[in-house]
Amino acid sequence: MNDIVILGATGKTGRRVVELLRAEGRQIRPASRSSEVRFDWSDAATWEGVLTGARAMYLVAPEDPALVRDFVKQADRVERFVVLSGRGLEHVGEAFRGMAAAEEAVRESGAEWTILRANNFNQNFDEYTWRAPLLAGRLALPAGDVPEPFVDVHDIAAVAARVLAEGGHAGRVYELSGPRGLTFGEAVRVIGQAAGRDIEYVELTPEAYRAELLAEGLPAEAADELGALFAVLREGHLAEPTDGVQRVLGRSPVSFEDYAARAWT
């Protein structure tokens, strides 16, 4: 493929996909609201410039399913889609609507498609999502005692770059996880040891978690979606490690301990 478009090119996975493909000398087109090639899901006027000449595309879906369906319909000359999705998608109901729509749209597009269904990211702990509470010394979630094999975004990006650049992956769904599961309490202890500080993990009830989110100003719909995601985790749907990273890259995924040593020391 000589023209690979990376949507969400400044995001957690997208920017790393960009770095990897550039290092390989691939001809790529990073696209986001702040990239040189501007792309905004909510502004259809930006879509044509992204789609023109695109042969392969890394797609990170918006929350609105209608937008991704319309976009993929317009992307009728794209030959290969690689879609970032979420593991356990089939269990979360209304949450992840955009990801579900993206999976369906590329399957029906007539193009080659590969879907990457990932566990929770290691980098959720140090980039945005849980960074502030960890730095404050307290992470409180309704995660229960079910393990989660957190996956490193470097592994996701490496898989995405490989699938975008080479054949042999059409029609496949790769579930991407880390090598072993840890409870959130165990993960916080690993981070605390790496950071050399005391960090408390507090197990909340779903009701208490929702109340904290609302008190922080999160809309009720968003709070309910986050609650649904943790319900899937507590039910064990994400608990077993997978072999997706090994199958594509031929190596083991990054361990949580290695991640923590890199990000928190």
C-alpha atoms as a PDB file:
ATOM      1  CA  MET A   1       0.000   0.000   0.000  1.00  0.00           C
ATOM      2  CA  ASN A   2       1.509   3.332  -0.980  1.00  0.00           C
ATOM      3  CA  ASP A   3      -0.982   5.682   0.649  1.00  0.00           C
ATOM      4  CA  ILE A   4      -1.992   4.787   4.182  1.00  0.00           C
ATOM      5  CA  VAL A   5      -4.293   7.121   6.086  1.00  0.00           C
ATOM      6  CA  ILE A   6      -4.115   7.134   9.893  1.00  0.00           C
ATOM      7  CA  LEU A   7      -7.250   8.556  11.495  1.00  0.00           C
ATOM      8  CA  GLY A   8      -6.865   9.755  15.074  1.00  0.00           C
ATOM      9  CA  ALA A   9      -3.217  10.392  14.229  1.00  0.00           C
ATOM     10  CA  THR A  10      -2.554  12.310  17.457  1.00  0.00           C
ATOM     11  CA  GLY A  11      -4.310   9.807  19.731  1.00  0.00           C
ATOM     12  CA  LYS A  12      -2.895   7.113  21.985  1.00  0.00           C
ATOM     13  CA  THR A  13      -2.598   4.464  19.307  1.00  0.00           C
ATOM     14  CA  GLY A  14      -2.688   6.602  16.160  1.00  0.00           C
ATOM     15  CA  ARG A  15       0.421   8.630  16.874  1.00  0.00           C
ATOM     16  CA  ARG A  16       2.374   5.458  17.527  1.00  0.00           C
ATOM     17  CA  VAL A  17       1.137   3.867  14.312  1.00  0.00           C
ATOM     18  CA  VAL A  18       2.356   6.994  12.516  1.00  0.00           C
ATOM     19  CA  GLU A  19       5.801   6.727  14.127  1.00  0.00           C
ATOM     20  CA  LEU A  20       6.192   3.052  13.244  1.00  0.00           C
ATOM     21  CA  LEU A  21       5.134   3.399   9.612  1.00  0.00           C
ATOM     22  CA  ARG A  22       7.288   6.478   9.100  1.00  0.00           C
ATOM     23  CA  ALA A  23      10.274   4.605  10.513  1.00  0.00           C
ATOM     24  CA  GLU A  24       9.649   1.916   7.878  1.00  0.00           C
ATOM     25  CA  GLY A  25       9.615   4.553   5.147  1.00  0.00           C
ATOM     26  CA  ARG A  26       5.939   4.043   4.320  1.00  0.00           C
ATOM     27  CA  GLN A  27       3.976   6.734   2.531  1.00  0.00           C
ATOM     28  CA  ILE A  28       1.381   7.757   5.069  1.00  0.00           C
ATOM     29  CA  ARG A  29      -1.126  10.518   5.662  1.00  0.00           C
ATOM     30  CA  PRO A  30      -1.774  11.302   9.335  1.00  0.00           C
ATOM     31  CA  ALA A  31      -5.202  12.861   9.819  1.00  0.00           C
ATOM     32  CA  SER A  32      -6.809  14.488  12.842  1.00  0.00           C
ATOM     33  CA  ARG A  33      -8.273  17.811  13.887  1.00  0.00           C
ATOM     34  CA  SER A  34      -4.754  19.102  14.579  1.00  0.00           C
ATOM     35  CA  SER A  35      -2.797  17.345  11.802  1.00  0.00           C
ATOM     36  CA  GLU A  36      -1.632  18.954   8.579  1.00  0.00           C
ATOM     37  CA  VAL A  37      -4.322  16.854   6.892  1.00  0.00           C
ATOM     38  CA  ARG A  38      -7.321  18.009   8.894  1.00  0.00           C
ATOM     39  CA  PHE A  39     -10.012  15.479   9.711  1.00  0.00           C
ATOM     40  CA  ASP A  40     -13.023  16.022  11.943  1.00  0.00           C
ATOM     41  CA  TRP A  41     -15.772  13.437  12.251  1.00  0.00           C
ATOM     42  CA  SER A  42     -18.312  16.183  12.874  1.00  0.00           C
ATOM     43  CA  ASP A  43     -17.295  18.154   9.754  1.00  0.00           C
ATOM     44  CA  ALA A  44     -18.042  16.157   6.611  1.00  0.00           C
ATOM     45  CA  ALA A  45     -16.297  18.815   4.523  1.00  0.00           C
ATOM     46  CA  THR A  46     -12.973  17.411   5.822  1.00  0.00           C
ATOM     47  CA  TRP A  47     -13.688  13.858   4.711  1.00  0.00           C
ATOM     48  CA  GLU A  48     -12.936  14.178   0.990  1.00  0.00           C
ATOM     49  CA  GLY A  49      -9.371  15.355   1.522  1.00  0.00           C
ATOM     50  CA  VAL A  50      -8.705  12.321   3.683  1.00  0.00           C
ATOM     51  CA  LEU A  51     -10.332   9.831   1.333  1.00  0.00           C
ATOM     52  CA  THR A  52      -8.784  11.050  -1.920  1.00  0.00           C
ATOM     53  CA  GLY A  53      -6.064   8.601  -2.904  1.00  0.00           C
ATOM     54  CA  ALA A  54      -6.390   6.535   0.279  1.00  0.00           C
ATOM     55  CA  ARG A  55      -5.767   2.825  -0.263  1.00  0.00           C
ATOM     56  CA  ALA A  56      -5.444   1.640   3.346  1.00  0.00           C
ATOM     57  CA  MET A  57      -6.869   3.202   6.483  1.00  0.00           C
ATOM     58  CA  TYR A  58      -6.507   2.909  10.254  1.00  0.00           C
ATOM     59  CA  LEU A  59      -9.959   3.700  11.608  1.00  0.00           C
ATOM     60  CA  VAL A  60     -10.727   4.713  15.190  1.00  0.00           C
ATOM     61  CA  ALA A  61     -14.473   5.253  15.278  1.00  0.00           C
ATOM     62  CA  PRO A  62     -16.371   8.204  16.755  1.00  0.00           C
ATOM     63  CA  GLU A  63     -19.137   7.656  19.299  1.00  0.00           C
ATOM     64  CA  ASP A  64     -21.859   8.447  16.756  1.00  0.00           C
ATOM     65  CA  PRO A  65     -22.595   5.312  14.705  1.00  0.00           C
ATOM     66  CA  ALA A  66     -24.257   7.277  11.890  1.00  0.00           C
ATOM     67  CA  LEU A  67     -21.056   9.209  11.207  1.00  0.00           C
ATOM     68  CA  VAL A  68     -18.866   6.152  10.790  1.00  0.00           C
ATOM     69  CA  ARG A  69     -21.441   4.419   8.578  1.00  0.00           C
ATOM     70  CA  ASP A  70     -21.654   7.439   6.283  1.00  0.00           C
ATOM     71  CA  PHE A  71     -17.880   7.801   6.199  1.00  0.00           C
ATOM     72  CA  VAL A  72     -17.226   4.183   5.235  1.00  0.00           C
ATOM     73  CA  LYS A  73     -19.846   4.405   2.495  1.00  0.00           C
ATOM     74  CA  GLN A  74     -17.951   7.366   1.038  1.00  0.00           C
ATOM     75  CA  ALA A  75     -14.642   5.498   1.369  1.00  0.00           C
ATOM     76  CA  ASP A  76     -15.509   3.244  -1.565  1.00  0.00           C
ATOM     77  CA  ARG A  77     -11.977   3.336  -2.998  1.00  0.00           C
ATOM     78  CA  VAL A  78     -10.235   2.283   0.189  1.00  0.00           C
ATOM     79  CA  GLU A  79      -8.900  -1.247  -0.315  1.00  0.00           C
ATOM     80  CA  ARG A  80      -8.004  -2.125   3.276  1.00  0.00           C
ATOM     81  CA  PHE A  81      -9.473  -1.073   6.629  1.00  0.00           C
ATOM     82  CA  VAL A  82      -7.885  -1.770  10.002  1.00  0.00           C
ATOM     83  CA  VAL A  83     -10.377  -0.938  12.754  1.00  0.00           C
ATOM     84  CA  LEU A  84      -9.544  -0.425  16.418  1.00  0.00           C
ATOM     85  CA  SER A  85     -12.336  -1.886  18.498  1.00  0.00           C
ATOM     86  CA  GLY A  86     -12.935  -3.115  22.024  1.00  0.00           C
ATOM     87  CA  ARG A  87     -12.745  -6.611  23.415  1.00  0.00           C
ATOM     88  CA  GLY A  88     -16.059  -7.741  24.876  1.00  0.00           C
ATOM     89  CA  LEU A  89     -17.926  -5.418  22.539  1.00  0.00           C
ATOM     90  CA  GLU A  90     -20.825  -7.831  22.214  1.00  0.00           C
ATOM     91  CA  HIS A  91     -21.543  -7.601  25.953  1.00  0.00           C
ATOM     92  CA  VAL A  92     -21.705  -3.827  26.472  1.00  0.00           C
ATOM     93  CA  GLY A  93     -25.077  -2.942  24.971  1.00  0.00           C
ATOM     94  CA  GLU A  94     -25.315   0.721  24.045  1.00  0.00           C
ATOM     95  CA  ALA A  95     -21.740   1.528  25.043  1.00  0.00           C
ATOM     96  CA  PHE A  96     -19.191   1.383  22.200  1.00  0.00           C
ATOM     97  CA  ARG A  97     -21.953   2.033  19.647  1.00  0.00           C
ATOM     98  CA  GLY A  98     -19.470   3.698  17.299  1.00  0.00           C
ATOM     99  CA  MET A  99     -17.048   0.774  17.416  1.00  0.00           C
ATOM    100  CA  ALA A 100     -19.843  -1.707  16.724  1.00  0.00           C
ATOM    101  CA  ALA A 101     -21.012   0.378  13.774  1.00  0.00           C
ATOM    102  CA  ALA A 102     -17.449   0.602  12.423  1.00  0.00           C
ATOM    103  CA  GLU A 103     -17.052  -3.179  12.557  1.00  0.00           C
ATOM    104  CA  GLU A 104     -20.327  -3.687  10.733  1.00  0.00           C
ATOM    105  CA  ALA A 105     -19.618  -0.981   8.143  1.00  0.00           C
ATOM    106  CA  VAL A 106     -16.217  -2.298   7.084  1.00  0.00           C
ATOM    107  CA  ARG A 107     -17.508  -5.880   6.922  1.00  0.00           C
ATOM    108  CA  GLU A 108     -20.144  -4.699   4.454  1.00  0.00           C
ATOM    109  CA  SER A 109     -17.857  -2.349   2.507  1.00  0.00           C
ATOM    110  CA  GLY A 110     -16.407  -4.815   0.019  1.00  0.00           C
ATOM    111  CA  ALA A 111     -12.868  -3.859   1.059  1.00  0.00           C
ATOM    112  CA  GLU A 112     -10.378  -5.992   2.962  1.00  0.00           C
ATOM    113  CA  TRP A 113     -10.875  -5.534   6.671  1.00  0.00           C
ATOM    114  CA  THR A 114      -9.156  -6.508   9.882  1.00  0.00           C
ATOM    115  CA  ILE A 115     -10.537  -5.738  13.343  1.00  0.00           C
ATOM    116  CA  LEU A 116      -8.347  -5.244  16.428  1.00  0.00           C
ATOM    117  CA  ARG A 117     -10.303  -5.818  19.629  1.00  0.00           C
ATOM    118  CA  ALA A 118      -8.210  -4.582  22.536  1.00  0.00           C
ATOM    119  CA  ASN A 119      -8.368  -4.893  26.296  1.00  0.00           C
ATOM    120  CA  ASN A 120      -8.016  -1.791  28.483  1.00  0.00           C
ATOM    121  CA  PHE A 121      -4.766   0.005  27.692  1.00  0.00           C
ATOM    122  CA  ASN A 122      -1.782   0.127  30.047  1.00  0.00           C
ATOM    123  CA  GLN A 123      -1.530   3.786  29.101  1.00  0.00           C
ATOM    124  CA  ASN A 124      -4.943   4.531  30.587  1.00  0.00           C
ATOM    125  CA  PHE A 125      -3.019   4.679  33.855  1.00  0.00           C
ATOM    126  CA  ASP A 126      -0.529   7.360  32.799  1.00  0.00           C
ATOM    127  CA  GLU A 127      -2.184   9.176  29.888  1.00  0.00           C
ATOM    128  CA  TYR A 128      -5.350  11.080  30.743  1.00  0.00           C
ATOM    129  CA  THR A 129      -7.850   8.515  32.054  1.00  0.00           C
ATOM    130  CA  TRP A 130      -6.525   7.545  35.497  1.00  0.00           C
ATOM    131  CA  ARG A 131      -3.348   9.633  35.671  1.00  0.00           C
ATOM    132  CA  ALA A 132      -4.697  12.433  37.875  1.00  0.00           C
ATOM    133  CA  PRO A 133      -6.175  10.199  40.595  1.00  0.00           C
ATOM    134  CA  LEU A 134      -3.046   8.050  40.678  1.00  0.00           C
ATOM    135  CA  LEU A 135      -0.865  11.137  41.107  1.00  0.00           C
ATOM    136  CA  ALA A 136      -3.224  12.236  43.871  1.00  0.00           C
ATOM    137  CA  GLY A 137      -2.690   8.864  45.586  1.00  0.00           C
ATOM    138  CA  ARG A 138      -6.149   7.308  45.179  1.00  0.00           C
ATOM    139  CA  LEU A 139      -7.787   5.394  42.339  1.00  0.00           C
ATOM    140  CA  ALA A 140     -11.387   4.383  43.037  1.00  0.00           C
ATOM    141  CA  LEU A 141     -13.262   2.132  40.601  1.00  0.00           C
ATOM    142  CA  PRO A 142     -15.976  -0.566  40.572  1.00  0.00           C
ATOM    143  CA  ALA A 143     -13.695  -3.190  39.023  1.00  0.00           C
ATOM    144  CA  GLY A 144     -14.132  -6.053  41.484  1.00  0.00           C
ATOM    145  CA  ASP A 145     -11.484  -8.729  41.903  1.00  0.00           C
ATOM    146  CA  VAL A 146     -11.595 -10.027  38.323  1.00  0.00           C
ATOM    147  CA  PRO A 147      -8.227  -9.792  36.538  1.00  0.00           C
ATOM    148  CA  GLU A 148      -7.698  -7.720  33.392  1.00  0.00           C
ATOM    149  CA  PRO A 149      -4.819  -8.486  30.990  1.00  0.00           C
ATOM    150  CA  PHE A 150      -4.120  -4.829  30.203  1.00  0.00           C
ATOM    151  CA  VAL A 151      -2.560  -4.308  26.765  1.00  0.00           C
ATOM    152  CA  ASP A 152       0.192  -1.867  25.899  1.00  0.00           C
ATOM    153  CA  VAL A 153      -0.602   0.674  23.181  1.00  0.00           C
ATOM    154  CA  HIS A 154       2.836   0.071  21.667  1.00  0.00           C
ATOM    155  CA  ASP A 155       1.715  -3.497  20.956  1.00  0.00           C
ATOM    156  CA  ILE A 156      -1.583  -2.321  19.478  1.00  0.00           C
ATOM    157  CA  ALA A 157       0.249   0.148  17.244  1.00  0.00           C
ATOM    158  CA  ALA A 158       2.767  -2.473  16.150  1.00  0.00           C
ATOM    159  CA  VAL A 159      -0.030  -4.870  15.211  1.00  0.00           C
ATOM    160  CA  ALA A 160      -1.939  -2.137  13.375  1.00  0.00           C
ATOM    161  CA  ALA A 161       1.164  -1.044  11.440  1.00  0.00           C
ATOM    162  CA  ARG A 162       1.933  -4.617  10.424  1.00  0.00           C
ATOM    163  CA  VAL A 163      -1.623  -5.313   9.256  1.00  0.00           C
ATOM    164  CA  LEU A 164      -1.864  -2.026   7.367  1.00  0.00           C
ATOM    165  CA  ALA A 165       1.387  -2.618   5.507  1.00  0.00           C
ATOM    166  CA  GLU A 166       1.208  -6.306   4.629  1.00  0.00           C
ATOM    167  CA  GLY A 167      -1.302  -8.803   3.283  1.00  0.00           C
ATOM    168  CA  GLY A 168      -2.587 -11.981   4.865  1.00  0.00           C
ATOM    169  CA  HIS A 169      -4.866 -10.504   7.519  1.00  0.00           C
ATOM    170  CA  ALA A 170      -8.097  -9.899   5.603  1.00  0.00           C
ATOM    171  CA  GLY A 171     -11.279 -10.972   7.371  1.00  0.00           C
ATOM    172  CA  ARG A 172      -9.563 -11.579  10.702  1.00  0.00           C
ATOM    173  CA  VAL A 173     -10.453 -10.365  14.181  1.00  0.00           C
ATOM    174  CA  TYR A 174      -7.444 -10.152  16.488  1.00  0.00           C
ATOM    175  CA  GLU A 175      -8.095  -9.898  20.216  1.00  0.00           C
ATOM    176  CA  LEU A 176      -5.183  -8.019  21.785  1.00  0.00           C
ATOM    177  CA  SER A 177      -4.236  -8.314  25.444  1.00  0.00           C
ATOM    178  CA  GLY A 178      -1.228  -8.332  27.701  1.00  0.00           C
ATOM    179  CA  PRO A 179       0.453 -11.588  28.772  1.00  0.00           C
ATOM    180  CA  ARG A 180      -1.358 -12.013  32.111  1.00  0.00           C
ATOM    181  CA  GLY A 181      -4.265 -10.621  34.062  1.00  0.00           C
ATOM    182  CA  LEU A 182      -4.013  -8.330  37.077  1.00  0.00           C
ATOM    183  CA  THR A 183      -6.786  -6.932  39.210  1.00  0.00           C
ATOM    184  CA  PHE A 184      -6.914  -3.157  39.347  1.00  0.00           C
ATOM    185  CA  GLY A 185      -5.662  -3.345  42.904  1.00  0.00           C
ATOM    186  CA  GLU A 186      -2.644  -5.373  41.804  1.00  0.00           C
ATOM    187  CA  ALA A 187      -1.996  -2.998  38.919  1.00  0.00           C
ATOM    188  CA  VAL A 188      -2.025  -0.012  41.259  1.00  0.00           C
ATOM    189  CA  ARG A 189       0.436  -1.769  43.572  1.00  0.00           C
ATOM    190  CA  VAL A 190       2.799  -2.395  40.639  1.00  0.00           C
ATOM    191  CA  ILE A 191       2.576   1.270  39.646  1.00  0.00           C
ATOM    192  CA  GLY A 192       3.144   2.400  43.234  1.00  0.00           C
ATOM    193  CA  GLN A 193       6.254   0.255  43.508  1.00  0.00           C
ATOM    194  CA  ALA A 194       7.617   1.577  40.226  1.00  0.00           C
ATOM    195  CA  ALA A 195       6.841   5.171  41.188  1.00  0.00           C
ATOM    196  CA  GLY A 196       8.172   4.792  44.732  1.00  0.00           C
ATOM    197  CA  ARG A 197       5.025   6.234  46.284  1.00  0.00           C
ATOM    198  CA  ASP A 198       1.965   5.081  48.200  1.00  0.00           C
ATOM    199  CA  ILE A 199      -1.098   4.829  45.967  1.00  0.00           C
ATOM    200  CA  GLU A 200      -4.376   3.500  47.307  1.00  0.00           C
ATOM    201  CA  TYR A 201      -6.840   1.475  45.292  1.00  0.00           C
ATOM    202  CA  VAL A 202     -10.422   1.757  46.536  1.00  0.00           C
ATOM    203  CA  GLU A 203     -13.131  -0.647  45.398  1.00  0.00           C
ATOM    204  CA  LEU A 204     -16.388   1.227  44.839  1.00  0.00           C
ATOM    205  CA  THR A 205     -19.886  -0.096  44.382  1.00  0.00           C
ATOM    206  CA  PRO A 206     -21.337   0.685  40.954  1.00  0.00           C
ATOM    207  CA  GLU A 207     -23.693   3.160  42.614  1.00  0.00           C
ATOM    208  CA  ALA A 208     -20.904   4.981  44.440  1.00  0.00           C
ATOM    209  CA  TYR A 209     -18.831   5.125  41.244  1.00  0.00           C
ATOM    210  CA  ARG A 210     -21.707   6.659  39.319  1.00  0.00           C
ATOM    211  CA  ALA A 211     -22.233   9.207  42.074  1.00  0.00           C
ATOM    212  CA  GLU A 212     -18.547  10.204  41.968  1.00  0.00           C
ATOM    213  CA  LEU A 213     -18.661  10.611  38.181  1.00  0.00           C
ATOM    214  CA  LEU A 214     -21.758  12.788  38.355  1.00  0.00           C
ATOM    215  CA  ALA A 215     -20.189  14.882  41.121  1.00  0.00           C
ATOM    216  CA  GLU A 216     -17.207  15.454  38.817  1.00  0.00           C
ATOM    217  CA  GLY A 217     -19.568  16.850  36.179  1.00  0.00           C
ATOM    218  CA  LEU A 218     -19.782  13.870  33.834  1.00  0.00           C
ATOM    219  CA  PRO A 219     -23.124  13.621  31.993  1.00  0.00           C
ATOM    220  CA  ALA A 220     -25.415  10.855  33.195  1.00  0.00           C
ATOM    221  CA  GLU A 221     -25.296   9.026  29.842  1.00  0.00           C
ATOM    222  CA  ALA A 222     -21.494   8.911  29.900  1.00  0.00           C
ATOM    223  CA  ALA A 223     -21.497   7.746  33.518  1.00  0.00           C
ATOM    224  CA  ASP A 224     -23.899   4.948  32.644  1.00  0.00           C
ATOM    225  CA  GLU A 225     -21.706   3.851  29.720  1.00  0.00           C
ATOM    226  CA  LEU A 226     -18.627   3.687  31.940  1.00  0.00           C
ATOM    227  CA  GLY A 227     -20.638   1.713  34.467  1.00  0.00           C
ATOM    228  CA  ALA A 228     -21.626  -0.755  31.749  1.00  0.00           C
ATOM    229  CA  LEU A 229     -17.987  -1.233  30.754  1.00  0.00           C
ATOM    230  CA  PHE A 230     -16.991  -2.086  34.312  1.00  0.00           C
ATOM    231  CA  ALA A 231     -19.939  -4.478  34.541  1.00  0.00           C
ATOM    232  CA  VAL A 232     -18.494  -6.381  31.565  1.00  0.00           C
ATOM    233  CA  LEU A 233     -15.120  -6.483  33.299  1.00  0.00           C
ATOM    234  CA  ARG A 234     -16.634  -7.769  36.571  1.00  0.00           C
ATOM    235  CA  GLU A 235     -18.458 -10.498  34.656  1.00  0.00           C
ATOM    236  CA  GLY A 236     -15.091 -11.837  33.455  1.00  0.00           C
ATOM    237  CA  HIS A 237     -15.555 -11.306  29.725  1.00  0.00           C
ATOM    238  CA  LEU A 238     -12.117  -9.658  29.412  1.00  0.00           C
ATOM    239  CA  ALA A 239     -10.205 -11.743  31.919  1.00  0.00           C
ATOM    240  CA  GLU A 240      -8.436 -14.359  29.803  1.00  0.00           C
ATOM    241  CA  PRO A 241      -5.227 -13.317  28.012  1.00  0.00           C
ATOM    242  CA  THR A 242      -5.282 -13.725  24.239  1.00  0.00           C
ATOM    243  CA  ASP A 243      -2.666 -14.613  21.626  1.00  0.00           C
ATOM    244  CA  GLY A 244      -3.407 -11.818  19.122  1.00  0.00           C
ATOM    245  CA  VAL A 245      -0.138  -9.958  19.602  1.00  0.00           C
ATOM    246  CA  GLN A 246       1.869 -13.177  19.315  1.00  0.00           C
ATOM    247  CA  ARG A 247       0.015 -14.254  16.166  1.00  0.00           C
ATOM    248  CA  VAL A 248       0.721 -11.020  14.301  1.00  0.00           C
ATOM    249  CA  LEU A 249       4.129  -9.991  15.654  1.00  0.00           C
ATOM    250  CA  GLY A 250       5.660 -13.341  16.555  1.00  0.00           C
ATOM    251  CA  ARG A 251       6.579 -12.172  20.055  1.00  0.00           C
ATOM    252  CA  SER A 252       5.016 -11.890  23.483  1.00  0.00           C
ATOM    253  CA  PRO A 253       3.160  -8.713  24.425  1.00  0.00           C
ATOM    254  CA  VAL A 254       4.651  -6.139  26.796  1.00  0.00           C
ATOM    255  CA  SER A 255       4.134  -7.043  30.455  1.00  0.00           C
ATOM    256  CA  PHE A 256       2.447  -4.649  32.856  1.00  0.00           C
ATOM    257  CA  GLU A 257       5.580  -4.608  34.994  1.00  0.00           C
ATOM    258  CA  ASP A 258       7.706  -3.496  32.047  1.00  0.00           C
ATOM    259  CA  TYR A 259       5.135  -0.843  31.192  1.00  0.00           C
ATOM    260  CA  ALA A 260       5.114   0.479  34.772  1.00  0.00           C
ATOM    261  CA  ALA A 261       8.908   0.572  34.955  1.00  0.00           C
ATOM    262  CA  ARG A 262       8.981   2.598  31.745  1.00  0.00           C
ATOM    263  CA  ALA A 263       6.119   4.989  32.525  1.00  0.00           C
ATOM    264  CA  TRP A 264       6.268   5.502  36.292  1.00  0.00           C
ATOM    265  CA  THR A 265       9.956   5.563  37.302  1.00  0.00           C
END
